Amino acid sequence: MKKEGCPVRDVTAVKVIRHILARSIIVAMLPFLAVVLFSVSLPVYAASGQWPPQVSGRSTSPFSAVSGQVLNVNEVAGGAVYNGTWTRRPGTDTFDAVWNGTIQDVIEIESVNGNTIVFYRYGNNGRYYGSWSEDGSISGTASWYAEGWYWVASGLQL
């Protein structure tokens, strides 16, 4: 029974207003959440603005037998192809790498044994494993690749 002078509270309207306010808060937070998730997913050096990262600190190349300044790399990852250019820092075994014009990382020759080479990729703490072919190209796989993925490169000589 309704008392005189007391307003009737429409429960449905209150629920709708709460729902709208809750969604507004979520929508307002989306840009913030996107920035947080993107920053967390980047390597620490990129998020901190320290590009390129400091690497092994070697001032000379222990792999001076490996010659060449630019490595052209094609990575085939399922249906995706990443075209990379790895540019060697003068007198070192460190490469500044760019894929498809946007993805950046730093790569370093970790070891050379006969016709095999291992590169260390700083951004994902992974390794590229490759072998030189008779035509001078290098091909192989990487520690984070799925089955059937591979990379092929040219530009370095042993």
Protein backbone atom coordinates (compact mmCIF):
# COMPACT_ATOMS: atom_id res chain seq x y z
CA MET A 1 0.00 0.00 0.00
CA LYS A 2 1.34 3.42 -0.98
CA LYS A 3 1.81 6.05 1.70
CA GLU A 4 0.93 9.62 0.86
CA GLY A 5 3.96 11.81 0.12
CA CYS A 6 6.42 8.94 -0.42
CA PRO A 7 7.77 8.67 -3.93
CA VAL A 8 7.44 5.35 -5.70
CA ARG A 9 10.82 3.93 -6.56
CA ASP A 10 11.05 2.35 -9.98
CA VAL A 11 13.39 -0.61 -9.49
CA THR A 12 13.77 -1.18 -13.23
CA ALA A 13 15.02 2.38 -13.82
CA VAL A 14 17.58 2.02 -11.00
CA LYS A 15 18.89 -1.22 -12.52
CA VAL A 16 19.19 0.40 -15.94
CA ILE A 17 21.07 3.38 -14.50
CA ARG A 18 23.47 1.09 -12.60
CA HIS A 19 24.07 -0.93 -15.76
CA ILE A 20 24.82 2.21 -17.79
CA LEU A 21 27.18 3.54 -15.12
CA ALA A 22 29.03 0.23 -14.89
CA ARG A 23 29.49 0.11 -18.67
CA SER A 24 30.59 3.77 -18.74
CA ILE A 25 33.33 3.04 -16.23
CA ILE A 26 34.52 0.04 -18.25
CA VAL A 27 34.49 2.04 -21.50
CA ALA A 28 36.32 4.93 -19.82
CA MET A 29 38.99 2.51 -18.57
CA LEU A 30 39.61 0.82 -21.94
CA PRO A 31 42.32 3.25 -23.13
CA PHE A 32 44.10 2.89 -19.79
CA LEU A 33 43.88 -0.92 -19.91
CA ALA A 34 45.13 -0.98 -23.50
CA VAL A 35 48.19 1.08 -22.54
CA VAL A 36 48.90 -1.14 -19.53
CA LEU A 37 48.57 -4.36 -21.52
CA PHE A 38 50.69 -3.02 -24.39
CA SER A 39 53.41 -1.79 -22.03
CA VAL A 40 53.52 -5.07 -20.15
CA SER A 41 53.79 -7.04 -23.38
CA LEU A 42 56.73 -5.00 -24.69
CA PRO A 43 60.26 -5.95 -23.78
CA VAL A 44 61.47 -3.94 -20.80
CA TYR A 45 63.95 -1.89 -22.81
CA ALA A 46 61.32 -0.77 -25.31
CA ALA A 47 58.80 0.20 -22.64
CA SER A 48 61.45 2.17 -20.75
CA GLY A 49 62.49 4.09 -23.85
CA GLN A 50 65.98 2.57 -23.86
CA TRP A 51 66.38 1.67 -27.51
CA PRO A 52 68.44 -0.08 -28.67
CA PRO A 53 69.16 -2.20 -25.60
CA GLN A 54 72.67 -2.75 -24.39
CA VAL A 55 73.88 -6.19 -25.38
CA SER A 56 76.81 -8.39 -24.44
CA GLY A 57 79.16 -5.44 -24.21
CA ARG A 58 81.78 -7.04 -26.47
CA SER A 59 83.66 -4.29 -28.23
CA THR A 60 85.04 -6.61 -30.89
CA SER A 61 83.70 -9.54 -32.84
CA PRO A 62 84.75 -13.01 -31.72
CA PHE A 63 83.09 -14.23 -34.92
CA SER A 64 85.07 -12.06 -37.33
CA ALA A 65 85.19 -14.99 -39.77
CA VAL A 66 81.50 -14.30 -40.41
CA SER A 67 81.50 -11.42 -42.86
CA GLY A 68 78.68 -9.25 -44.10
CA GLN A 69 76.90 -6.16 -42.82
CA VAL A 70 73.27 -6.70 -43.81
CA LEU A 71 71.30 -9.91 -43.47
CA ASN A 72 68.04 -10.17 -45.45
CA VAL A 73 65.77 -12.55 -43.57
CA ASN A 74 62.41 -14.06 -44.51
CA GLU A 75 60.56 -15.78 -41.70
CA VAL A 76 57.66 -18.02 -42.67
CA ALA A 77 55.32 -18.53 -39.73
CA GLY A 78 52.32 -20.48 -40.95
CA GLY A 79 50.49 -18.20 -43.36
CA ALA A 80 52.45 -15.10 -42.30
CA VAL A 81 55.74 -13.97 -43.82
CA TYR A 82 57.99 -11.53 -42.00
CA ASN A 83 60.55 -9.78 -44.21
CA GLY A 84 63.44 -8.63 -42.10
CA THR A 85 66.58 -6.61 -42.50
CA TRP A 86 69.25 -7.15 -39.88
CA THR A 87 71.96 -4.47 -39.98
CA ARG A 88 75.23 -5.27 -38.25
CA ARG A 89 76.74 -2.73 -35.89
CA PRO A 90 80.27 -1.97 -37.13
CA GLY A 91 82.95 -4.26 -35.70
CA THR A 92 80.47 -6.32 -33.64
CA ASP A 93 78.26 -9.39 -33.86
CA THR A 94 75.17 -7.37 -32.98
CA PHE A 95 72.41 -6.61 -35.48
CA ASP A 96 69.61 -4.05 -35.32
CA ALA A 97 66.69 -5.89 -36.87
CA VAL A 98 63.48 -4.60 -38.44
CA TRP A 99 60.66 -6.76 -39.83
CA ASN A 100 57.96 -5.52 -42.19
CA GLY A 101 59.06 -1.96 -41.45
CA THR A 102 57.61 -1.90 -37.93
CA ILE A 103 58.81 -4.71 -35.65
CA GLN A 104 62.22 -3.99 -34.09
CA ASP A 105 64.63 -6.04 -32.06
CA VAL A 106 68.31 -6.68 -31.46
CA ILE A 107 69.97 -9.91 -32.58
CA GLU A 108 73.46 -11.15 -31.73
CA ILE A 109 75.56 -13.99 -33.09
CA GLU A 110 75.85 -16.39 -30.17
CA SER A 111 77.88 -19.17 -31.73
CA VAL A 112 79.32 -20.47 -34.97
CA ASN A 113 80.41 -24.09 -35.34
CA GLY A 114 81.34 -25.35 -38.78
CA ASN A 115 78.46 -24.41 -41.07
CA THR A 116 75.96 -23.83 -38.25
CA ILE A 117 75.14 -20.52 -36.59
CA VAL A 118 73.05 -19.55 -33.58
CA PHE A 119 71.62 -16.04 -33.14
CA TYR A 120 70.21 -14.76 -29.85
CA ARG A 121 67.13 -12.50 -30.05
CA TYR A 122 66.92 -10.15 -27.08
CA GLY A 123 63.23 -9.17 -27.27
CA ASN A 124 61.88 -12.67 -26.74
CA ASN A 125 64.97 -14.35 -25.25
CA GLY A 126 64.87 -16.80 -28.14
CA ARG A 127 67.39 -18.35 -30.48
CA TYR A 128 67.57 -18.75 -34.24
CA TYR A 129 69.31 -21.96 -35.33
CA GLY A 130 70.64 -22.02 -38.88
CA SER A 131 72.95 -23.75 -41.33
CA TRP A 132 74.75 -22.39 -44.38
CA SER A 133 73.83 -24.01 -47.69
CA GLU A 134 76.19 -24.46 -50.61
CA ASP A 135 74.61 -21.43 -52.32
CA GLY A 136 75.60 -19.24 -49.32
CA SER A 137 72.11 -18.82 -47.88
CA ILE A 138 71.32 -19.66 -44.28
CA SER A 139 68.14 -21.46 -43.26
CA GLY A 140 66.76 -22.90 -40.07
CA THR A 141 64.26 -22.71 -37.28
CA ALA A 142 63.89 -20.81 -33.99
CA SER A 143 63.24 -21.75 -30.39
CA TRP A 144 59.73 -20.22 -30.41
CA TYR A 145 58.63 -21.51 -33.84
CA ALA A 146 55.78 -23.95 -34.29
CA GLU A 147 56.32 -27.07 -36.37
CA GLY A 148 56.73 -26.23 -40.05
CA TRP A 149 57.86 -22.62 -39.49
CA TYR A 150 61.28 -21.65 -40.83
CA TRP A 151 63.56 -18.78 -41.80
CA VAL A 152 65.85 -18.20 -44.77
CA ALA A 153 68.51 -15.51 -45.01
CA SER A 154 71.23 -14.17 -47.25
CA GLY A 155 73.98 -11.64 -46.77
CA LEU A 156 76.48 -13.32 -44.42
CA GLN A 157 79.45 -15.34 -45.56
CA LEU A 158 81.46 -17.81 -43.59
